[in-house]
Amino acid sequence: FIGIDAPEIEHDDPAECYGDEATAYTSAALLDHLVWLTFDEECQDYYDRDLAYVINGVGEAGFFNRVLARNGYASPLAIEPNTTYEDEIEADVVAAQVEHLGVWGECGG
């Protein structure tokens, strides 16, 4: 997801705080649902992973990168040149922090 950094689930290292919750939320919202991917300046990262904005509905409520940020499931992570929505995502994260949502309420963030 462009513009955000969600907590990690357990792989070789222990899961990060709220990683399992972020994964469950994302899975419920996206698996078996129609989504659209839109891209920014670069479509892949250094590791050949696809980089996209995920759309699963209409308006802000359908801009899933922002939904994750606004509900406390992710931190902002702007990496040039893919920064088109940097300000909007940052504002979503600040709102989640103020309201102590998700990682910001559960993990002492």
PDB file of N, CA and C in Angstrom:
ATOM      1  N   PHE A   1       0.842  -1.176   0.000  1.00  0.00           N
ATOM      2  CA  PHE A   1       0.000   0.000   0.000  1.00  0.00           C
ATOM      3  C   PHE A   1       0.890   1.243   0.000  1.00  0.00           C
ATOM      4  N   ILE A   2       0.705   2.118  -0.967  1.00  0.00           N
ATOM      5  CA  ILE A   2       1.493   3.345  -1.028  1.00  0.00           C
ATOM      6  C   ILE A   2       1.083   4.273   0.119  1.00  0.00           C
ATOM      7  N   GLY A   3       2.073   4.868   0.749  1.00  0.00           N
ATOM      8  CA  GLY A   3       1.826   5.934   1.713  1.00  0.00           C
ATOM      9  C   GLY A   3       1.613   5.521   3.147  1.00  0.00           C
ATOM     10  N   ILE A   4       1.547   4.211   3.403  1.00  0.00           N
ATOM     11  CA  ILE A   4       1.315   3.759   4.776  1.00  0.00           C
ATOM     12  C   ILE A   4       2.247   2.610   5.136  1.00  0.00           C
ATOM     13  N   ASP A   5       2.392   2.402   6.427  1.00  0.00           N
ATOM     14  CA  ASP A   5       3.179   1.302   6.962  1.00  0.00           C
ATOM     15  C   ASP A   5       2.358   0.651   8.066  1.00  0.00           C
ATOM     16  N   ALA A   6       1.815  -0.518   7.788  1.00  0.00           N
ATOM     17  CA  ALA A   6       1.017  -1.243   8.778  1.00  0.00           C
ATOM     18  C   ALA A   6       1.939  -2.113   9.626  1.00  0.00           C
ATOM     19  N   PRO A   7       1.545  -2.379  10.872  1.00  0.00           N
ATOM     20  CA  PRO A   7       2.362  -3.236  11.724  1.00  0.00           C
ATOM     21  C   PRO A   7       2.464  -4.646  11.137  1.00  0.00           C
ATOM     22  N   GLU A   8       3.595  -5.265  11.350  1.00  0.00           N
ATOM     23  CA  GLU A   8       3.885  -6.589  10.794  1.00  0.00           C
ATOM     24  C   GLU A   8       3.264  -7.697  11.641  1.00  0.00           C
ATOM     25  N   ILE A   9       2.892  -8.787  10.959  1.00  0.00           N
ATOM     26  CA  ILE A   9       2.483  -9.994  11.669  1.00  0.00           C
ATOM     27  C   ILE A   9       3.717 -10.867  11.858  1.00  0.00           C
ATOM     28  N   GLU A  10       3.572 -11.930  12.620  1.00  0.00           N
ATOM     29  CA  GLU A  10       4.715 -12.797  12.905  1.00  0.00           C
ATOM     30  C   GLU A  10       5.191 -13.488  11.635  1.00  0.00           C
ATOM     31  N   HIS A  11       6.477 -13.361  11.371  1.00  0.00           N
ATOM     32  CA  HIS A  11       7.166 -14.087  10.293  1.00  0.00           C
ATOM     33  C   HIS A  11       8.379 -14.715  10.964  1.00  0.00           C
ATOM     34  N   ASP A  12       9.555 -14.212  10.670  1.00  0.00           N
ATOM     35  CA  ASP A  12      10.770 -14.658  11.355  1.00  0.00           C
ATOM     36  C   ASP A  12      10.937 -13.954  12.696  1.00  0.00           C
ATOM     37  N   ASP A  13      10.299 -12.807  12.838  1.00  0.00           N
ATOM     38  CA  ASP A  13      10.342 -12.026  14.075  1.00  0.00           C
ATOM     39  C   ASP A  13       8.953 -12.056  14.704  1.00  0.00           C
ATOM     40  N   PRO A  14       8.868 -11.722  15.982  1.00  0.00           N
ATOM     41  CA  PRO A  14       7.540 -11.647  16.609  1.00  0.00           C
ATOM     42  C   PRO A  14       6.665 -10.585  15.934  1.00  0.00           C
ATOM     43  N   ALA A  15       5.370 -10.785  16.021  1.00  0.00           N
ATOM     44  CA  ALA A  15       4.426  -9.810  15.462  1.00  0.00           C
ATOM     45  C   ALA A  15       4.571  -8.478  16.178  1.00  0.00           C
ATOM     46  N   GLU A  16       4.392  -7.388  15.433  1.00  0.00           N
ATOM     47  CA  GLU A  16       4.366  -6.066  16.035  1.00  0.00           C
ATOM     48  C   GLU A  16       2.996  -5.832  16.645  1.00  0.00           C
ATOM     49  N   CYS A  17       2.955  -4.936  17.610  1.00  0.00           N
ATOM     50  CA  CYS A  17       1.694  -4.601  18.258  1.00  0.00           C
ATOM     51  C   CYS A  17       0.675  -4.162  17.206  1.00  0.00           C
ATOM     52  N   TYR A  18      -0.476  -4.754  17.240  1.00  0.00           N
ATOM     53  CA  TYR A  18      -1.623  -4.478  16.387  1.00  0.00           C
ATOM     54  C   TYR A  18      -1.475  -5.042  14.968  1.00  0.00           C
ATOM     55  N   GLY A  19      -0.443  -5.830  14.727  1.00  0.00           N
ATOM     56  CA  GLY A  19      -0.257  -6.445  13.415  1.00  0.00           C
ATOM     57  C   GLY A  19      -1.353  -7.430  13.066  1.00  0.00           C
ATOM     58  N   ASP A  20      -1.727  -8.269  14.028  1.00  0.00           N
ATOM     59  CA  ASP A  20      -2.781  -9.254  13.765  1.00  0.00           C
ATOM     60  C   ASP A  20      -4.117  -8.567  13.502  1.00  0.00           C
ATOM     61  N   GLU A  21      -4.412  -7.517  14.255  1.00  0.00           N
ATOM     62  CA  GLU A  21      -5.668  -6.787  14.063  1.00  0.00           C
ATOM     63  C   GLU A  21      -5.704  -6.086  12.706  1.00  0.00           C
ATOM     64  N   ALA A  22      -4.592  -5.488  12.310  1.00  0.00           N
ATOM     65  CA  ALA A  22      -4.530  -4.809  11.010  1.00  0.00           C
ATOM     66  C   ALA A  22      -4.696  -5.818   9.872  1.00  0.00           C
ATOM     67  N   THR A  23      -4.090  -6.977  10.030  1.00  0.00           N
ATOM     68  CA  THR A  23      -4.211  -8.021   9.014  1.00  0.00           C
ATOM     69  C   THR A  23      -5.648  -8.528   8.921  1.00  0.00           C
ATOM     70  N   ALA A  24      -6.270  -8.776  10.058  1.00  0.00           N
ATOM     71  CA  ALA A  24      -7.656  -9.263  10.068  1.00  0.00           C
ATOM     72  C   ALA A  24      -8.599  -8.234   9.445  1.00  0.00           C
ATOM     73  N   TYR A  25      -8.416  -6.959   9.775  1.00  0.00           N
ATOM     74  CA  TYR A  25      -9.259  -5.894   9.230  1.00  0.00           C
ATOM     75  C   TYR A  25      -9.106  -5.817   7.710  1.00  0.00           C
ATOM     76  N   THR A  26      -7.869  -5.853   7.249  1.00  0.00           N
ATOM     77  CA  THR A  26      -7.591  -5.767   5.811  1.00  0.00           C
ATOM     78  C   THR A  26      -8.152  -6.980   5.082  1.00  0.00           C
ATOM     79  N   SER A  27      -7.960  -8.157   5.644  1.00  0.00           N
ATOM     80  CA  SER A  27      -8.476  -9.373   5.017  1.00  0.00           C
ATOM     81  C   SER A  27      -9.991  -9.324   4.896  1.00  0.00           C
ATOM     82  N   ALA A  28     -10.666  -8.938   5.963  1.00  0.00           N
ATOM     83  CA  ALA A  28     -12.128  -8.877   5.936  1.00  0.00           C
ATOM     84  C   ALA A  28     -12.632  -7.862   4.911  1.00  0.00           C
ATOM     85  N   ALA A  29     -11.924  -6.773   4.775  1.00  0.00           N
ATOM     86  CA  ALA A  29     -12.365  -5.709   3.864  1.00  0.00           C
ATOM     87  C   ALA A  29     -12.056  -6.003   2.401  1.00  0.00           C
ATOM     88  N   LEU A  30     -10.988  -6.772   2.140  1.00  0.00           N
ATOM     89  CA  LEU A  30     -10.542  -6.909   0.756  1.00  0.00           C
ATOM     90  C   LEU A  30     -10.669  -8.303   0.148  1.00  0.00           C
ATOM     91  N   LEU A  31     -10.493  -9.345   0.943  1.00  0.00           N
ATOM     92  CA  LEU A  31     -10.560 -10.692   0.362  1.00  0.00           C
ATOM     93  C   LEU A  31     -11.954 -10.969  -0.192  1.00  0.00           C
ATOM     94  N   ASP A  32     -11.986 -11.525  -1.386  1.00  0.00           N
ATOM     95  CA  ASP A  32     -13.234 -11.856  -2.075  1.00  0.00           C
ATOM     96  C   ASP A  32     -14.076 -10.627  -2.415  1.00  0.00           C
ATOM     97  N   HIS A  33     -13.454  -9.457  -2.483  1.00  0.00           N
ATOM     98  CA  HIS A  33     -14.138  -8.232  -2.880  1.00  0.00           C
ATOM     99  C   HIS A  33     -13.446  -7.655  -4.116  1.00  0.00           C
ATOM    100  N   LEU A  34     -14.209  -6.974  -4.915  1.00  0.00           N
ATOM    101  CA  LEU A  34     -13.663  -6.296  -6.075  1.00  0.00           C
ATOM    102  C   LEU A  34     -12.921  -5.046  -5.616  1.00  0.00           C
ATOM    103  N   VAL A  35     -11.682  -4.891  -6.034  1.00  0.00           N
ATOM    104  CA  VAL A  35     -10.892  -3.702  -5.714  1.00  0.00           C
ATOM    105  C   VAL A  35     -10.269  -3.169  -6.994  1.00  0.00           C
ATOM    106  N   TRP A  36      -9.937  -1.892  -6.963  1.00  0.00           N
ATOM    107  CA  TRP A  36      -9.214  -1.255  -8.046  1.00  0.00           C
ATOM    108  C   TRP A  36      -7.869  -0.824  -7.498  1.00  0.00           C
ATOM    109  N   LEU A  37      -6.845  -0.966  -8.292  1.00  0.00           N
ATOM    110  CA  LEU A  37      -5.525  -0.484  -7.922  1.00  0.00           C
ATOM    111  C   LEU A  37      -5.185   0.697  -8.802  1.00  0.00           C
ATOM    112  N   THR A  38      -4.730   1.759  -8.183  1.00  0.00           N
ATOM    113  CA  THR A  38      -4.216   2.892  -8.934  1.00  0.00           C
ATOM    114  C   THR A  38      -2.786   3.109  -8.493  1.00  0.00           C
ATOM    115  N   PHE A  39      -2.011   3.696  -9.345  1.00  0.00           N
ATOM    116  CA  PHE A  39      -0.584   3.803  -9.110  1.00  0.00           C
ATOM    117  C   PHE A  39      -0.142   5.254  -9.058  1.00  0.00           C
ATOM    118  N   ASP A  40       1.082   5.450  -8.609  1.00  0.00           N
ATOM    119  CA  ASP A  40       1.668   6.781  -8.536  1.00  0.00           C
ATOM    120  C   ASP A  40       2.827   6.796  -9.541  1.00  0.00           C
ATOM    121  N   GLU A  41       3.888   7.466  -9.229  1.00  0.00           N
ATOM    122  CA  GLU A  41       5.021   7.594 -10.156  1.00  0.00           C
ATOM    123  C   GLU A  41       5.736   6.264 -10.412  1.00  0.00           C
ATOM    124  N   GLU A  42       5.937   5.478  -9.370  1.00  0.00           N
ATOM    125  CA  GLU A  42       6.595   4.173  -9.509  1.00  0.00           C
ATOM    126  C   GLU A  42       5.616   3.075  -9.132  1.00  0.00           C
ATOM    127  N   CYS A  43       5.585   2.028  -9.928  1.00  0.00           N
ATOM    128  CA  CYS A  43       4.632   0.942  -9.706  1.00  0.00           C
ATOM    129  C   CYS A  43       5.210  -0.219  -8.911  1.00  0.00           C
ATOM    130  N   GLN A  44       6.530  -0.263  -8.760  1.00  0.00           N
ATOM    131  CA  GLN A  44       7.170  -1.321  -7.985  1.00  0.00           C
ATOM    132  C   GLN A  44       8.285  -0.739  -7.142  1.00  0.00           C
ATOM    133  N   ASP A  45       8.566  -1.426  -6.029  1.00  0.00           N
ATOM    134  CA  ASP A  45       9.654  -0.985  -5.167  1.00  0.00           C
ATOM    135  C   ASP A  45      10.936  -1.765  -5.466  1.00  0.00           C
ATOM    136  N   TYR A  46      11.937  -1.528  -4.676  1.00  0.00           N
ATOM    137  CA  TYR A  46      13.251  -2.151  -4.829  1.00  0.00           C
ATOM    138  C   TYR A  46      13.166  -3.675  -4.826  1.00  0.00           C
ATOM    139  N   TYR A  47      12.198  -4.231  -4.112  1.00  0.00           N
ATOM    140  CA  TYR A  47      12.040  -5.677  -3.980  1.00  0.00           C
ATOM    141  C   TYR A  47      11.055  -6.252  -4.996  1.00  0.00           C
ATOM    142  N   ASP A  48      10.703  -5.463  -6.022  1.00  0.00           N
ATOM    143  CA  ASP A  48       9.760  -5.853  -7.072  1.00  0.00           C
ATOM    144  C   ASP A  48       8.346  -6.109  -6.556  1.00  0.00           C
ATOM    145  N   ARG A  49       7.996  -5.487  -5.431  1.00  0.00           N
ATOM    146  CA  ARG A  49       6.622  -5.564  -4.933  1.00  0.00           C
ATOM    147  C   ARG A  49       5.809  -4.470  -5.616  1.00  0.00           C
ATOM    148  N   ASP A  50       4.576  -4.796  -5.979  1.00  0.00           N
ATOM    149  CA  ASP A  50       3.690  -3.793  -6.571  1.00  0.00           C
ATOM    150  C   ASP A  50       3.328  -2.754  -5.524  1.00  0.00           C
ATOM    151  N   LEU A  51       3.303  -1.507  -5.937  1.00  0.00           N
ATOM    152  CA  LEU A  51       2.946  -0.380  -5.068  1.00  0.00           C
ATOM    153  C   LEU A  51       1.666   0.240  -5.609  1.00  0.00           C
ATOM    154  N   ALA A  52       0.640   0.323  -4.763  1.00  0.00           N
ATOM    155  CA  ALA A  52      -0.634   0.818  -5.272  1.00  0.00           C
ATOM    156  C   ALA A  52      -1.446   1.501  -4.186  1.00  0.00           C
ATOM    157  N   TYR A  53      -2.374   2.327  -4.663  1.00  0.00           N
ATOM    158  CA  TYR A  53      -3.463   2.817  -3.848  1.00  0.00           C
ATOM    159  C   TYR A  53      -4.605   1.845  -4.116  1.00  0.00           C
ATOM    160  N   VAL A  54      -5.273   1.389  -3.063  1.00  0.00           N
ATOM    161  CA  VAL A  54      -6.328   0.392  -3.190  1.00  0.00           C
ATOM    162  C   VAL A  54      -7.677   1.083  -3.007  1.00  0.00           C
ATOM    163  N   ILE A  55      -8.543   0.877  -3.967  1.00  0.00           N
ATOM    164  CA  ILE A  55      -9.874   1.470  -3.943  1.00  0.00           C
ATOM    165  C   ILE A  55     -10.892   0.331  -3.862  1.00  0.00           C
ATOM    166  N   ASN A  56     -11.753   0.386  -2.839  1.00  0.00           N
ATOM    167  CA  ASN A  56     -12.781  -0.650  -2.702  1.00  0.00           C
ATOM    168  C   ASN A  56     -14.158  -0.046  -2.423  1.00  0.00           C
ATOM    169  N   GLY A  57     -14.373   1.142  -2.915  1.00  0.00           N
ATOM    170  CA  GLY A  57     -15.653   1.806  -2.741  1.00  0.00           C
ATOM    171  C   GLY A  57     -15.600   3.200  -3.326  1.00  0.00           C
ATOM    172  N   VAL A  58     -16.516   4.047  -2.891  1.00  0.00           N
ATOM    173  CA  VAL A  58     -16.657   5.392  -3.449  1.00  0.00           C
ATOM    174  C   VAL A  58     -16.162   6.430  -2.444  1.00  0.00           C
ATOM    175  N   GLY A  59     -15.491   7.455  -2.941  1.00  0.00           N
ATOM    176  CA  GLY A  59     -15.057   8.576  -2.108  1.00  0.00           C
ATOM    177  C   GLY A  59     -13.980   8.179  -1.101  1.00  0.00           C
ATOM    178  N   GLU A  60     -13.828   9.008  -0.063  1.00  0.00           N
ATOM    179  CA  GLU A  60     -12.808   8.752   0.955  1.00  0.00           C
ATOM    180  C   GLU A  60     -13.006   7.402   1.626  1.00  0.00           C
ATOM    181  N   ALA A  61     -14.242   7.003   1.830  1.00  0.00           N
ATOM    182  CA  ALA A  61     -14.530   5.730   2.486  1.00  0.00           C
ATOM    183  C   ALA A  61     -14.075   4.532   1.655  1.00  0.00           C
ATOM    184  N   GLY A  62     -13.856   4.748   0.377  1.00  0.00           N
ATOM    185  CA  GLY A  62     -13.397   3.677  -0.492  1.00  0.00           C
ATOM    186  C   GLY A  62     -11.919   3.709  -0.795  1.00  0.00           C
ATOM    187  N   PHE A  63     -11.223   4.690  -0.284  1.00  0.00           N
ATOM    188  CA  PHE A  63      -9.777   4.829  -0.512  1.00  0.00           C
ATOM    189  C   PHE A  63      -9.093   4.085   0.628  1.00  0.00           C
ATOM    190  N   PHE A  64      -8.828   2.805   0.415  1.00  0.00           N
ATOM    191  CA  PHE A  64      -8.471   1.915   1.505  1.00  0.00           C
ATOM    192  C   PHE A  64      -7.167   2.281   2.208  1.00  0.00           C
ATOM    193  N   ASN A  65      -6.196   2.823   1.509  1.00  0.00           N
ATOM    194  CA  ASN A  65      -4.963   3.263   2.170  1.00  0.00           C
ATOM    195  C   ASN A  65      -5.298   4.283   3.249  1.00  0.00           C
ATOM    196  N   ARG A  66      -6.176   5.210   2.910  1.00  0.00           N
ATOM    197  CA  ARG A  66      -6.587   6.247   3.864  1.00  0.00           C
ATOM    198  C   ARG A  66      -7.465   5.671   4.968  1.00  0.00           C
ATOM    199  N   VAL A  67      -8.304   4.712   4.652  1.00  0.00           N
ATOM    200  CA  VAL A  67      -9.142   4.074   5.664  1.00  0.00           C
ATOM    201  C   VAL A  67      -8.260   3.407   6.723  1.00  0.00           C
ATOM    202  N   LEU A  68      -7.226   2.705   6.282  1.00  0.00           N
ATOM    203  CA  LEU A  68      -6.306   2.085   7.240  1.00  0.00           C
ATOM    204  C   LEU A  68      -5.653   3.136   8.125  1.00  0.00           C
ATOM    205  N   ALA A  69      -5.198   4.216   7.522  1.00  0.00           N
ATOM    206  CA  ALA A  69      -4.557   5.289   8.289  1.00  0.00           C
ATOM    207  C   ALA A  69      -5.542   5.940   9.253  1.00  0.00           C
ATOM    208  N   ARG A  70      -6.746   6.222   8.795  1.00  0.00           N
ATOM    209  CA  ARG A  70      -7.739   6.950   9.597  1.00  0.00           C
ATOM    210  C   ARG A  70      -8.258   6.140  10.777  1.00  0.00           C
ATOM    211  N   ASN A  71      -8.208   4.817  10.652  1.00  0.00           N
ATOM    212  CA  ASN A  71      -8.719   3.951  11.709  1.00  0.00           C
ATOM    213  C   ASN A  71      -7.624   3.379  12.606  1.00  0.00           C
ATOM    214  N   GLY A  72      -6.407   3.872  12.447  1.00  0.00           N
ATOM    215  CA  GLY A  72      -5.327   3.482  13.338  1.00  0.00           C
ATOM    216  C   GLY A  72      -4.669   2.157  13.025  1.00  0.00           C
ATOM    217  N   TYR A  73      -4.808   1.690  11.803  1.00  0.00           N
ATOM    218  CA  TYR A  73      -4.181   0.440  11.406  1.00  0.00           C
ATOM    219  C   TYR A  73      -2.835   0.645  10.723  1.00  0.00           C
ATOM    220  N   ALA A  74      -2.397   1.887  10.547  1.00  0.00           N
ATOM    221  CA  ALA A  74      -1.149   2.138   9.833  1.00  0.00           C
ATOM    222  C   ALA A  74      -0.577   3.501  10.195  1.00  0.00           C
ATOM    223  N   SER A  75       0.727   3.595  10.036  1.00  0.00           N
ATOM    224  CA  SER A  75       1.464   4.852  10.182  1.00  0.00           C
ATOM    225  C   SER A  75       1.721   5.427   8.795  1.00  0.00           C
ATOM    226  N   PRO A  76       1.995   6.720   8.704  1.00  0.00           N
ATOM    227  CA  PRO A  76       2.338   7.273   7.391  1.00  0.00           C
ATOM    228  C   PRO A  76       3.733   6.825   6.972  1.00  0.00           C
ATOM    229  N   LEU A  77       3.899   6.577   5.693  1.00  0.00           N
ATOM    230  CA  LEU A  77       5.210   6.224   5.145  1.00  0.00           C
ATOM    231  C   LEU A  77       5.286   6.746   3.716  1.00  0.00           C
ATOM    232  N   ALA A  78       5.763   7.954   3.577  1.00  0.00           N
ATOM    233  CA  ALA A  78       5.882   8.581   2.260  1.00  0.00           C
ATOM    234  C   ALA A  78       7.284   8.333   1.714  1.00  0.00           C
ATOM    235  N   ILE A  79       7.346   7.708   0.553  1.00  0.00           N
ATOM    236  CA  ILE A  79       8.622   7.435  -0.102  1.00  0.00           C
ATOM    237  C   ILE A  79       8.564   8.029  -1.498  1.00  0.00           C
ATOM    238  N   GLU A  80       9.448   8.979  -1.751  1.00  0.00           N
ATOM    239  CA  GLU A  80       9.524   9.612  -3.070  1.00  0.00           C
ATOM    240  C   GLU A  80       9.754   8.547  -4.128  1.00  0.00           C
ATOM    241  N   PRO A  81       9.165   8.701  -5.285  1.00  0.00           N
ATOM    242  CA  PRO A  81       8.352   9.807  -5.762  1.00  0.00           C
ATOM    243  C   PRO A  81       6.847   9.592  -5.544  1.00  0.00           C
ATOM    244  N   ASN A  82       6.478   8.534  -4.816  1.00  0.00           N
ATOM    245  CA  ASN A  82       5.056   8.201  -4.641  1.00  0.00           C
ATOM    246  C   ASN A  82       4.462   8.928  -3.445  1.00  0.00           C
ATOM    247  N   THR A  83       4.235  10.222  -3.603  1.00  0.00           N
ATOM    248  CA  THR A  83       3.779  11.037  -2.477  1.00  0.00           C
ATOM    249  C   THR A  83       2.522  11.869  -2.787  1.00  0.00           C
ATOM    250  N   THR A  84       1.769  11.469  -3.782  1.00  0.00           N
ATOM    251  CA  THR A  84       0.614  12.252  -4.200  1.00  0.00           C
ATOM    252  C   THR A  84      -0.362  12.525  -3.052  1.00  0.00           C
ATOM    253  N   TYR A  85      -0.610  11.541  -2.207  1.00  0.00           N
ATOM    254  CA  TYR A  85      -1.592  11.684  -1.124  1.00  0.00           C
ATOM    255  C   TYR A  85      -0.940  11.766   0.257  1.00  0.00           C
ATOM    256  N   GLU A  86       0.310  12.169   0.297  1.00  0.00           N
ATOM    257  CA  GLU A  86       1.049  12.249   1.553  1.00  0.00           C
ATOM    258  C   GLU A  86       0.344  13.110   2.595  1.00  0.00           C
ATOM    259  N   ASP A  87      -0.086  14.286   2.222  1.00  0.00           N
ATOM    260  CA  ASP A  87      -0.737  15.194   3.182  1.00  0.00           C
ATOM    261  C   ASP A  87      -2.050  14.626   3.712  1.00  0.00           C
ATOM    262  N   GLU A  88      -2.851  14.020   2.840  1.00  0.00           N
ATOM    263  CA  GLU A  88      -4.127  13.459   3.250  1.00  0.00           C
ATOM    264  C   GLU A  88      -3.928  12.283   4.208  1.00  0.00           C
ATOM    265  N   ILE A  89      -2.976  11.419   3.898  1.00  0.00           N
ATOM    266  CA  ILE A  89      -2.703  10.269   4.758  1.00  0.00           C
ATOM    267  C   ILE A  89      -2.157  10.731   6.104  1.00  0.00           C
ATOM    268  N   GLU A  90      -1.285  11.712   6.095  1.00  0.00           N
ATOM    269  CA  GLU A  90      -0.754  12.253   7.355  1.00  0.00           C
ATOM    270  C   GLU A  90      -1.895  12.814   8.205  1.00  0.00           C
ATOM    271  N   ALA A  91      -2.825  13.525   7.601  1.00  0.00           N
ATOM    272  CA  ALA A  91      -3.965  14.075   8.347  1.00  0.00           C
ATOM    273  C   ALA A  91      -4.843  12.949   8.906  1.00  0.00           C
ATOM    274  N   ASP A  92      -5.009  11.886   8.154  1.00  0.00           N
ATOM    275  CA  ASP A  92      -5.785  10.744   8.646  1.00  0.00           C
ATOM    276  C   ASP A  92      -5.125  10.112   9.864  1.00  0.00           C
ATOM    277  N   VAL A  93      -3.810   9.961   9.821  1.00  0.00           N
ATOM    278  CA  VAL A  93      -3.083   9.376  10.949  1.00  0.00           C
ATOM    279  C   VAL A  93      -3.174  10.284  12.169  1.00  0.00           C
ATOM    280  N   VAL A  94      -3.017  11.581  11.981  1.00  0.00           N
ATOM    281  CA  VAL A  94      -3.121  12.522  13.108  1.00  0.00           C
ATOM    282  C   VAL A  94      -4.500  12.413  13.752  1.00  0.00           C
ATOM    283  N   ALA A  95      -5.550  12.311  12.944  1.00  0.00           N
ATOM    284  CA  ALA A  95      -6.905  12.171  13.488  1.00  0.00           C
ATOM    285  C   ALA A  95      -7.028  10.879  14.290  1.00  0.00           C
ATOM    286  N   ALA A  96      -6.475   9.791  13.795  1.00  0.00           N
ATOM    287  CA  ALA A  96      -6.510   8.518  14.523  1.00  0.00           C
ATOM    288  C   ALA A  96      -5.724   8.621  15.835  1.00  0.00           C
ATOM    289  N   GLN A  97      -4.597   9.324  15.816  1.00  0.00           N
ATOM    290  CA  GLN A  97      -3.806   9.503  17.034  1.00  0.00           C
ATOM    291  C   GLN A  97      -4.583  10.299  18.074  1.00  0.00           C
ATOM    292  N   VAL A  98      -5.221  11.369  17.650  1.00  0.00           N
ATOM    293  CA  VAL A  98      -5.996  12.217  18.561  1.00  0.00           C
ATOM    294  C   VAL A  98      -7.118  11.411  19.215  1.00  0.00           C
ATOM    295  N   GLU A  99      -7.727  10.521  18.452  1.00  0.00           N
ATOM    296  CA  GLU A  99      -8.836   9.721  18.955  1.00  0.00           C
ATOM    297  C   GLU A  99      -8.366   8.403  19.590  1.00  0.00           C
ATOM    298  N   HIS A 100      -7.058   8.166  19.614  1.00  0.00           N
ATOM    299  CA  HIS A 100      -6.480   6.944  20.191  1.00  0.00           C
ATOM    300  C   HIS A 100      -7.069   5.690  19.564  1.00  0.00           C
ATOM    301  N   LEU A 101      -7.173   5.709  18.249  1.00  0.00           N
ATOM    302  CA  LEU A 101      -7.716   4.558  17.520  1.00  0.00           C
ATOM    303  C   LEU A 101      -6.625   3.556  17.197  1.00  0.00           C
ATOM    304  N   GLY A 102      -6.987   2.300  17.169  1.00  0.00           N
ATOM    305  CA  GLY A 102      -6.097   1.251  16.714  1.00  0.00           C
ATOM    306  C   GLY A 102      -4.779   1.204  17.433  1.00  0.00           C
ATOM    307  N   VAL A 103      -3.724   1.188  16.659  1.00  0.00           N
ATOM    308  CA  VAL A 103      -2.371   1.104  17.208  1.00  0.00           C
ATOM    309  C   VAL A 103      -2.085   2.257  18.162  1.00  0.00           C
ATOM    310  N   TRP A 104      -2.719   3.396  17.943  1.00  0.00           N
ATOM    311  CA  TRP A 104      -2.472   4.588  18.757  1.00  0.00           C
ATOM    312  C   TRP A 104      -3.133   4.487  20.135  1.00  0.00           C
ATOM    313  N   GLY A 105      -4.098   3.620  20.283  1.00  0.00           N
ATOM    314  CA  GLY A 105      -4.722   3.419  21.584  1.00  0.00           C
ATOM    315  C   GLY A 105      -4.261   2.140  22.268  1.00  0.00           C
ATOM    316  N   GLU A 106      -3.946   1.147  21.480  1.00  0.00           N
ATOM    317  CA  GLU A 106      -3.598  -0.163  22.031  1.00  0.00           C
ATOM    318  C   GLU A 106      -2.112  -0.358  22.298  1.00  0.00           C
ATOM    319  N   CYS A 107      -1.282   0.391  21.608  1.00  0.00           N
ATOM    320  CA  CYS A 107       0.155   0.095  21.659  1.00  0.00           C
ATOM    321  C   CYS A 107       0.986   1.230  22.260  1.00  0.00           C
ATOM    322  N   GLY A 108       0.345   2.182  22.848  1.00  0.00           N
ATOM    323  CA  GLY A 108       1.079   3.285  23.455  1.00  0.00           C
ATOM    324  C   GLY A 108       1.732   4.202  22.446  1.00  0.00           C
ATOM    325  N   GLY A 109       1.214   4.192  21.219  1.00  0.00           N
ATOM    326  CA  GLY A 109       1.798   4.982  20.141  1.00  0.00           C
ATOM    327  C   GLY A 109       1.490   6.434  20.214  1.00  0.00           C
TER     328      GLY A 109
END
